[in-house]
Amino acid sequence: MAAAARYPDRIAAAASFYGTWLVSDAEESPHLSLSKVKGELYFGVHHGFAFPQRWCYDKSAAERHWERLIALYRRHLG
């Protein structure tokens, strides 16, 4: 998200698998630059859900996650 905000005319799509540390009380919290982003963003949730080796793996959520992530990049990157 930071790169997409810093280079809005160069980054058409960005993704964060788990969306951690995106909102905080810090002066430089990533969410504060969100309005600068022009591209499409995708955020996954619950750290580790998409990888079978993790305790919190969720097969159906992981499949949806990969489908959405790949579709995002196909739409914007070909």
PDB file of N, CA and C in Angstrom:
ATOM      1  N   MET A   1       0.820  -1.175   0.000  1.00  0.00           N
ATOM      2  CA  MET A   1       0.000   0.000   0.000  1.00  0.00           C
ATOM      3  C   MET A   1       0.871   1.249   0.000  1.00  0.00           C
ATOM      4  N   ALA A   2       1.985   1.196   0.702  1.00  0.00           N
ATOM      5  CA  ALA A   2       2.883   2.353   0.743  1.00  0.00           C
ATOM      6  C   ALA A   2       3.426   2.672  -0.644  1.00  0.00           C
ATOM      7  N   ALA A   3       3.832   1.649  -1.387  1.00  0.00           N
ATOM      8  CA  ALA A   3       4.348   1.874  -2.740  1.00  0.00           C
ATOM      9  C   ALA A   3       3.246   2.382  -3.668  1.00  0.00           C
ATOM     10  N   ALA A   4       2.045   1.839  -3.533  1.00  0.00           N
ATOM     11  CA  ALA A   4       0.925   2.275  -4.373  1.00  0.00           C
ATOM     12  C   ALA A   4       0.579   3.730  -4.095  1.00  0.00           C
ATOM     13  N   ALA A   5       0.725   4.168  -2.858  1.00  0.00           N
ATOM     14  CA  ALA A   5       0.457   5.565  -2.504  1.00  0.00           C
ATOM     15  C   ALA A   5       1.589   6.479  -2.968  1.00  0.00           C
ATOM     16  N   ARG A   6       2.801   5.988  -2.889  1.00  0.00           N
ATOM     17  CA  ARG A   6       3.951   6.812  -3.284  1.00  0.00           C
ATOM     18  C   ARG A   6       4.070   6.955  -4.804  1.00  0.00           C
ATOM     19  N   TYR A   7       3.674   5.910  -5.534  1.00  0.00           N
ATOM     20  CA  TYR A   7       3.777   5.918  -6.998  1.00  0.00           C
ATOM     21  C   TYR A   7       2.413   5.613  -7.623  1.00  0.00           C
ATOM     22  N   PRO A   8       1.429   6.442  -7.394  1.00  0.00           N
ATOM     23  CA  PRO A   8       0.064   6.139  -7.850  1.00  0.00           C
ATOM     24  C   PRO A   8      -0.090   6.041  -9.368  1.00  0.00           C
ATOM     25  N   ASP A   9       0.760   6.699 -10.108  1.00  0.00           N
ATOM     26  CA  ASP A   9       0.657   6.638 -11.570  1.00  0.00           C
ATOM     27  C   ASP A   9       1.427   5.453 -12.155  1.00  0.00           C
ATOM     28  N   ARG A  10       2.160   4.739 -11.335  1.00  0.00           N
ATOM     29  CA  ARG A  10       2.950   3.608 -11.802  1.00  0.00           C
ATOM     30  C   ARG A  10       2.444   2.266 -11.302  1.00  0.00           C
ATOM     31  N   ILE A  11       1.648   2.277 -10.234  1.00  0.00           N
ATOM     32  CA  ILE A  11       1.177   1.020  -9.643  1.00  0.00           C
ATOM     33  C   ILE A  11      -0.331   0.902  -9.828  1.00  0.00           C
ATOM     34  N   ALA A  12      -0.712  -0.053 -10.668  1.00  0.00           N
ATOM     35  CA  ALA A  12      -2.129  -0.239 -11.005  1.00  0.00           C
ATOM     36  C   ALA A  12      -2.830  -1.208 -10.066  1.00  0.00           C
ATOM     37  N   ALA A  13      -2.063  -2.029  -9.366  1.00  0.00           N
ATOM     38  CA  ALA A  13      -2.661  -3.015  -8.458  1.00  0.00           C
ATOM     39  C   ALA A  13      -1.647  -3.374  -7.380  1.00  0.00           C
ATOM     40  N   ALA A  14      -2.151  -3.562  -6.169  1.00  0.00           N
ATOM     41  CA  ALA A  14      -1.302  -3.967  -5.053  1.00  0.00           C
ATOM     42  C   ALA A  14      -2.110  -4.850  -4.120  1.00  0.00           C
ATOM     43  N   ALA A  15      -1.418  -5.749  -3.443  1.00  0.00           N
ATOM     44  CA  ALA A  15      -2.120  -6.663  -2.550  1.00  0.00           C
ATOM     45  C   ALA A  15      -1.334  -6.866  -1.265  1.00  0.00           C
ATOM     46  N   SER A  16      -2.069  -7.107  -0.219  1.00  0.00           N
ATOM     47  CA  SER A  16      -1.496  -7.482   1.068  1.00  0.00           C
ATOM     48  C   SER A  16      -2.187  -8.765   1.493  1.00  0.00           C
ATOM     49  N   PHE A  17      -1.434  -9.839   1.627  1.00  0.00           N
ATOM     50  CA  PHE A  17      -2.052 -11.113   1.991  1.00  0.00           C
ATOM     51  C   PHE A  17      -2.820 -11.021   3.289  1.00  0.00           C
ATOM     52  N   TYR A  18      -2.250 -10.374   4.280  1.00  0.00           N
ATOM     53  CA  TYR A  18      -2.860 -10.407   5.597  1.00  0.00           C
ATOM     54  C   TYR A  18      -3.277  -9.055   6.150  1.00  0.00           C
ATOM     55  N   GLY A  19      -2.913  -8.003   5.504  1.00  0.00           N
ATOM     56  CA  GLY A  19      -3.376  -6.682   5.928  1.00  0.00           C
ATOM     57  C   GLY A  19      -2.968  -6.290   7.333  1.00  0.00           C
ATOM     58  N   THR A  20      -1.810  -6.732   7.799  1.00  0.00           N
ATOM     59  CA  THR A  20      -1.391  -6.384   9.157  1.00  0.00           C
ATOM     60  C   THR A  20      -0.666  -5.055   9.188  1.00  0.00           C
ATOM     61  N   TRP A  21      -0.751  -4.401  10.302  1.00  0.00           N
ATOM     62  CA  TRP A  21      -0.089  -3.120  10.562  1.00  0.00           C
ATOM     63  C   TRP A  21      -0.434  -2.036   9.553  1.00  0.00           C
ATOM     64  N   LEU A  22      -1.635  -2.064   9.029  1.00  0.00           N
ATOM     65  CA  LEU A  22      -2.060  -1.052   8.060  1.00  0.00           C
ATOM     66  C   LEU A  22      -2.742   0.141   8.715  1.00  0.00           C
ATOM     67  N   VAL A  23      -3.229  -0.058   9.920  1.00  0.00           N
ATOM     68  CA  VAL A  23      -3.894   1.024  10.651  1.00  0.00           C
ATOM     69  C   VAL A  23      -3.330   1.067  12.064  1.00  0.00           C
ATOM     70  N   SER A  24      -2.826   2.228  12.427  1.00  0.00           N
ATOM     71  CA  SER A  24      -2.316   2.411  13.784  1.00  0.00           C
ATOM     72  C   SER A  24      -2.438   3.885  14.152  1.00  0.00           C
ATOM     73  N   ASP A  25      -2.052   4.203  15.363  1.00  0.00           N
ATOM     74  CA  ASP A  25      -2.058   5.595  15.815  1.00  0.00           C
ATOM     75  C   ASP A  25      -0.796   6.338  15.396  1.00  0.00           C
ATOM     76  N   ALA A  26       0.117   5.640  14.763  1.00  0.00           N
ATOM     77  CA  ALA A  26       1.384   6.247  14.360  1.00  0.00           C
ATOM     78  C   ALA A  26       1.173   7.337  13.319  1.00  0.00           C
ATOM     79  N   GLU A  27       2.002   8.334  13.372  1.00  0.00           N
ATOM     80  CA  GLU A  27       1.929   9.453  12.426  1.00  0.00           C
ATOM     81  C   GLU A  27       2.093   8.989  10.978  1.00  0.00           C
ATOM     82  N   GLU A  28       2.873   7.932  10.766  1.00  0.00           N
ATOM     83  CA  GLU A  28       3.122   7.407   9.423  1.00  0.00           C
ATOM     84  C   GLU A  28       2.298   6.147   9.118  1.00  0.00           C
ATOM     85  N   SER A  29       1.203   5.938   9.819  1.00  0.00           N
ATOM     86  CA  SER A  29       0.354   4.768   9.598  1.00  0.00           C
ATOM     87  C   SER A  29      -0.044   4.678   8.121  1.00  0.00           C
ATOM     88  N   PRO A  30       0.111   3.508   7.503  1.00  0.00           N
ATOM     89  CA  PRO A  30      -0.182   3.353   6.078  1.00  0.00           C
ATOM     90  C   PRO A  30      -1.591   3.792   5.668  1.00  0.00           C
ATOM     91  N   HIS A  31      -2.566   3.631   6.531  1.00  0.00           N
ATOM     92  CA  HIS A  31      -3.930   3.992   6.143  1.00  0.00           C
ATOM     93  C   HIS A  31      -4.091   5.478   5.851  1.00  0.00           C
ATOM     94  N   LEU A  32      -3.202   6.296   6.362  1.00  0.00           N
ATOM     95  CA  LEU A  32      -3.302   7.735   6.157  1.00  0.00           C
ATOM     96  C   LEU A  32      -2.971   8.158   4.724  1.00  0.00           C
ATOM     97  N   SER A  33      -2.281   7.321   3.987  1.00  0.00           N
ATOM     98  CA  SER A  33      -1.933   7.654   2.606  1.00  0.00           C
ATOM     99  C   SER A  33      -2.862   6.978   1.598  1.00  0.00           C
ATOM    100  N   LEU A  34      -3.863   6.292   2.070  1.00  0.00           N
ATOM    101  CA  LEU A  34      -4.773   5.544   1.199  1.00  0.00           C
ATOM    102  C   LEU A  34      -5.410   6.416   0.114  1.00  0.00           C
ATOM    103  N   SER A  35      -5.709   7.655   0.410  1.00  0.00           N
ATOM    104  CA  SER A  35      -6.372   8.530  -0.568  1.00  0.00           C
ATOM    105  C   SER A  35      -5.486   8.839  -1.774  1.00  0.00           C
ATOM    106  N   LYS A  36      -4.196   8.610  -1.678  1.00  0.00           N
ATOM    107  CA  LYS A  36      -3.277   8.864  -2.785  1.00  0.00           C
ATOM    108  C   LYS A  36      -3.259   7.725  -3.809  1.00  0.00           C
ATOM    109  N   VAL A  37      -3.723   6.554  -3.419  1.00  0.00           N
ATOM    110  CA  VAL A  37      -3.688   5.370  -4.282  1.00  0.00           C
ATOM    111  C   VAL A  37      -4.698   5.505  -5.412  1.00  0.00           C
ATOM    112  N   LYS A  38      -4.260   5.250  -6.622  1.00  0.00           N
ATOM    113  CA  LYS A  38      -5.158   5.264  -7.787  1.00  0.00           C
ATOM    114  C   LYS A  38      -5.505   3.855  -8.247  1.00  0.00           C
ATOM    115  N   GLY A  39      -4.646   2.915  -7.958  1.00  0.00           N
ATOM    116  CA  GLY A  39      -4.850   1.542  -8.394  1.00  0.00           C
ATOM    117  C   GLY A  39      -5.819   0.785  -7.505  1.00  0.00           C
ATOM    118  N   GLU A  40      -6.087  -0.445  -7.903  1.00  0.00           N
ATOM    119  CA  GLU A  40      -6.970  -1.322  -7.137  1.00  0.00           C
ATOM    120  C   GLU A  40      -6.153  -2.039  -6.061  1.00  0.00           C
ATOM    121  N   LEU A  41      -6.728  -2.121  -4.870  1.00  0.00           N
ATOM    122  CA  LEU A  41      -6.060  -2.777  -3.755  1.00  0.00           C
ATOM    123  C   LEU A  41      -6.843  -4.010  -3.321  1.00  0.00           C
ATOM    124  N   TYR A  42      -6.113  -4.998  -2.841  1.00  0.00           N
ATOM    125  CA  TYR A  42      -6.729  -6.210  -2.287  1.00  0.00           C
ATOM    126  C   TYR A  42      -6.069  -6.491  -0.947  1.00  0.00           C
ATOM    127  N   PHE A  43      -6.895  -6.740   0.065  1.00  0.00           N
ATOM    128  CA  PHE A  43      -6.388  -7.071   1.388  1.00  0.00           C
ATOM    129  C   PHE A  43      -6.965  -8.395   1.848  1.00  0.00           C
ATOM    130  N   GLY A  44      -6.105  -9.340   2.217  1.00  0.00           N
ATOM    131  CA  GLY A  44      -6.532 -10.582   2.835  1.00  0.00           C
ATOM    132  C   GLY A  44      -6.594 -10.365   4.345  1.00  0.00           C
ATOM    133  N   VAL A  45      -7.002 -11.349   5.059  1.00  0.00           N
ATOM    134  CA  VAL A  45      -7.138 -11.216   6.530  1.00  0.00           C
ATOM    135  C   VAL A  45      -6.582 -12.433   7.240  1.00  0.00           C
ATOM    136  N   HIS A  46      -6.598 -12.381   8.553  1.00  0.00           N
ATOM    137  CA  HIS A  46      -6.230 -13.469   9.464  1.00  0.00           C
ATOM    138  C   HIS A  46      -4.898 -14.113   9.071  1.00  0.00           C
ATOM    139  N   HIS A  47      -3.855 -13.609   9.606  1.00  0.00           N
ATOM    140  CA  HIS A  47      -2.502 -14.009   9.250  1.00  0.00           C
ATOM    141  C   HIS A  47      -2.321 -15.533   9.175  1.00  0.00           C
ATOM    142  N   GLY A  48      -1.900 -16.005   8.030  1.00  0.00           N
ATOM    143  CA  GLY A  48      -1.585 -17.406   7.829  1.00  0.00           C
ATOM    144  C   GLY A  48      -2.684 -18.265   7.242  1.00  0.00           C
ATOM    145  N   PHE A  49      -3.871 -17.706   7.032  1.00  0.00           N
ATOM    146  CA  PHE A  49      -5.012 -18.515   6.599  1.00  0.00           C
ATOM    147  C   PHE A  49      -4.817 -19.178   5.242  1.00  0.00           C
ATOM    148  N   ALA A  50      -3.948 -18.660   4.410  1.00  0.00           N
ATOM    149  CA  ALA A  50      -3.823 -19.153   3.032  1.00  0.00           C
ATOM    150  C   ALA A  50      -2.739 -20.218   2.845  1.00  0.00           C
ATOM    151  N   PHE A  51      -2.035 -20.564   3.884  1.00  0.00           N
ATOM    152  CA  PHE A  51      -0.934 -21.518   3.750  1.00  0.00           C
ATOM    153  C   PHE A  51      -1.186 -22.774   4.578  1.00  0.00           C
ATOM    154  N   PRO A  52      -1.196 -23.926   3.929  1.00  0.00           N
ATOM    155  CA  PRO A  52      -1.541 -25.193   4.589  1.00  0.00           C
ATOM    156  C   PRO A  52      -0.705 -25.530   5.825  1.00  0.00           C
ATOM    157  N   GLN A  53       0.491 -25.027   5.917  1.00  0.00           N
ATOM    158  CA  GLN A  53       1.353 -25.347   7.049  1.00  0.00           C
ATOM    159  C   GLN A  53       0.987 -24.585   8.327  1.00  0.00           C
ATOM    160  N   ARG A  54       0.108 -23.612   8.228  1.00  0.00           N
ATOM    161  CA  ARG A  54      -0.249 -22.795   9.395  1.00  0.00           C
ATOM    162  C   ARG A  54      -1.415 -23.386  10.153  1.00  0.00           C
ATOM    163  N   TRP A  55      -1.470 -23.153  11.449  1.00  0.00           N
ATOM    164  CA  TRP A  55      -2.534 -23.674  12.307  1.00  0.00           C
ATOM    165  C   TRP A  55      -3.906 -23.123  11.916  1.00  0.00           C
ATOM    166  N   CYS A  56      -3.925 -21.938  11.330  1.00  0.00           N
ATOM    167  CA  CYS A  56      -5.196 -21.280  11.022  1.00  0.00           C
ATOM    168  C   CYS A  56      -5.611 -21.446   9.559  1.00  0.00           C
ATOM    169  N   TYR A  57      -4.972 -22.366   8.858  1.00  0.00           N
ATOM    170  CA  TYR A  57      -5.295 -22.589   7.441  1.00  0.00           C
ATOM    171  C   TYR A  57      -6.792 -22.845   7.271  1.00  0.00           C
ATOM    172  N   ASP A  58      -7.351 -22.169   6.279  1.00  0.00           N
ATOM    173  CA  ASP A  58      -8.771 -22.321   5.958  1.00  0.00           C
ATOM    174  C   ASP A  58      -8.849 -22.570   4.452  1.00  0.00           C
ATOM    175  N   LYS A  59      -9.045 -23.820   4.078  1.00  0.00           N
ATOM    176  CA  LYS A  59      -8.980 -24.217   2.666  1.00  0.00           C
ATOM    177  C   LYS A  59      -9.908 -23.404   1.779  1.00  0.00           C
ATOM    178  N   SER A  60     -11.177 -23.269   2.132  1.00  0.00           N
ATOM    179  CA  SER A  60     -12.106 -22.538   1.267  1.00  0.00           C
ATOM    180  C   SER A  60     -11.748 -21.051   1.197  1.00  0.00           C
ATOM    181  N   ALA A  61     -11.340 -20.470   2.315  1.00  0.00           N
ATOM    182  CA  ALA A  61     -10.929 -19.063   2.305  1.00  0.00           C
ATOM    183  C   ALA A  61      -9.660 -18.877   1.488  1.00  0.00           C
ATOM    184  N   ALA A  62      -8.739 -19.826   1.596  1.00  0.00           N
ATOM    185  CA  ALA A  62      -7.494 -19.746   0.827  1.00  0.00           C
ATOM    186  C   ALA A  62      -7.772 -19.825  -0.667  1.00  0.00           C
ATOM    187  N   GLU A  63      -8.660 -20.706  -1.067  1.00  0.00           N
ATOM    188  CA  GLU A  63      -9.005 -20.816  -2.494  1.00  0.00           C
ATOM    189  C   GLU A  63      -9.614 -19.524  -3.017  1.00  0.00           C
ATOM    190  N   ARG A  64     -10.532 -18.926  -2.239  1.00  0.00           N
ATOM    191  CA  ARG A  64     -11.124 -17.633  -2.641  1.00  0.00           C
ATOM    192  C   ARG A  64     -10.049 -16.557  -2.714  1.00  0.00           C
ATOM    193  N   HIS A  65      -9.171 -16.566  -1.742  1.00  0.00           N
ATOM    194  CA  HIS A  65      -8.082 -15.591  -1.683  1.00  0.00           C
ATOM    195  C   HIS A  65      -7.221 -15.653  -2.946  1.00  0.00           C
ATOM    196  N   TRP A  66      -6.751 -16.846  -3.308  1.00  0.00           N
ATOM    197  CA  TRP A  66      -5.902 -16.990  -4.490  1.00  0.00           C
ATOM    198  C   TRP A  66      -6.653 -16.626  -5.761  1.00  0.00           C
ATOM    199  N   GLU A  67      -7.916 -16.985  -5.857  1.00  0.00           N
ATOM    200  CA  GLU A  67      -8.719 -16.611  -7.035  1.00  0.00           C
ATOM    201  C   GLU A  67      -8.816 -15.098  -7.158  1.00  0.00           C
ATOM    202  N   ARG A  68      -9.090 -14.425  -6.054  1.00  0.00           N
ATOM    203  CA  ARG A  68      -9.216 -12.966  -6.079  1.00  0.00           C
ATOM    204  C   ARG A  68      -7.893 -12.285  -6.371  1.00  0.00           C
ATOM    205  N   LEU A  69      -6.833 -12.778  -5.784  1.00  0.00           N
ATOM    206  CA  LEU A  69      -5.523 -12.184  -6.002  1.00  0.00           C
ATOM    207  C   LEU A  69      -5.076 -12.342  -7.455  1.00  0.00           C
ATOM    208  N   ILE A  70      -5.219 -13.522  -7.994  1.00  0.00           N
ATOM    209  CA  ILE A  70      -4.834 -13.763  -9.390  1.00  0.00           C
ATOM    210  C   ILE A  70      -5.713 -12.950 -10.337  1.00  0.00           C
ATOM    211  N   ALA A  71      -7.006 -12.845 -10.056  1.00  0.00           N
ATOM    212  CA  ALA A  71      -7.907 -12.046 -10.893  1.00  0.00           C
ATOM    213  C   ALA A  71      -7.510 -10.574 -10.869  1.00  0.00           C
ATOM    214  N   LEU A  72      -7.129 -10.072  -9.713  1.00  0.00           N
ATOM    215  CA  LEU A  72      -6.672  -8.681  -9.595  1.00  0.00           C
ATOM    216  C   LEU A  72      -5.483  -8.442 -10.514  1.00  0.00           C
ATOM    217  N   TYR A  73      -4.497  -9.296 -10.440  1.00  0.00           N
ATOM    218  CA  TYR A  73      -3.304  -9.115 -11.258  1.00  0.00           C
ATOM    219  C   TYR A  73      -3.600  -9.338 -12.744  1.00  0.00           C
ATOM    220  N   ARG A  74      -4.482 -10.238 -13.081  1.00  0.00           N
ATOM    221  CA  ARG A  74      -4.845 -10.413 -14.495  1.00  0.00           C
ATOM    222  C   ARG A  74      -5.529  -9.166 -15.039  1.00  0.00           C
ATOM    223  N   ARG A  75      -6.405  -8.584 -14.245  1.00  0.00           N
ATOM    224  CA  ARG A  75      -7.112  -7.368 -14.685  1.00  0.00           C
ATOM    225  C   ARG A  75      -6.140  -6.235 -14.966  1.00  0.00           C
ATOM    226  N   HIS A  76      -5.116  -6.133 -14.158  1.00  0.00           N
ATOM    227  CA  HIS A  76      -4.256  -4.947 -14.247  1.00  0.00           C
ATOM    228  C   HIS A  76      -2.882  -5.195 -14.863  1.00  0.00           C
ATOM    229  N   LEU A  77      -2.441  -6.413 -14.837  1.00  0.00           N
ATOM    230  CA  LEU A  77      -1.097  -6.696 -15.324  1.00  0.00           C
ATOM    231  C   LEU A  77      -1.052  -7.601 -16.541  1.00  0.00           C
ATOM    232  N   GLY A  78      -2.210  -8.157 -16.880  1.00  0.00           N
ATOM    233  CA  GLY A  78      -2.279  -9.020 -18.057  1.00  0.00           C
ATOM    234  C   GLY A  78      -1.931 -10.373 -17.779  1.00  0.00           C
TER     235      GLY A  78
END
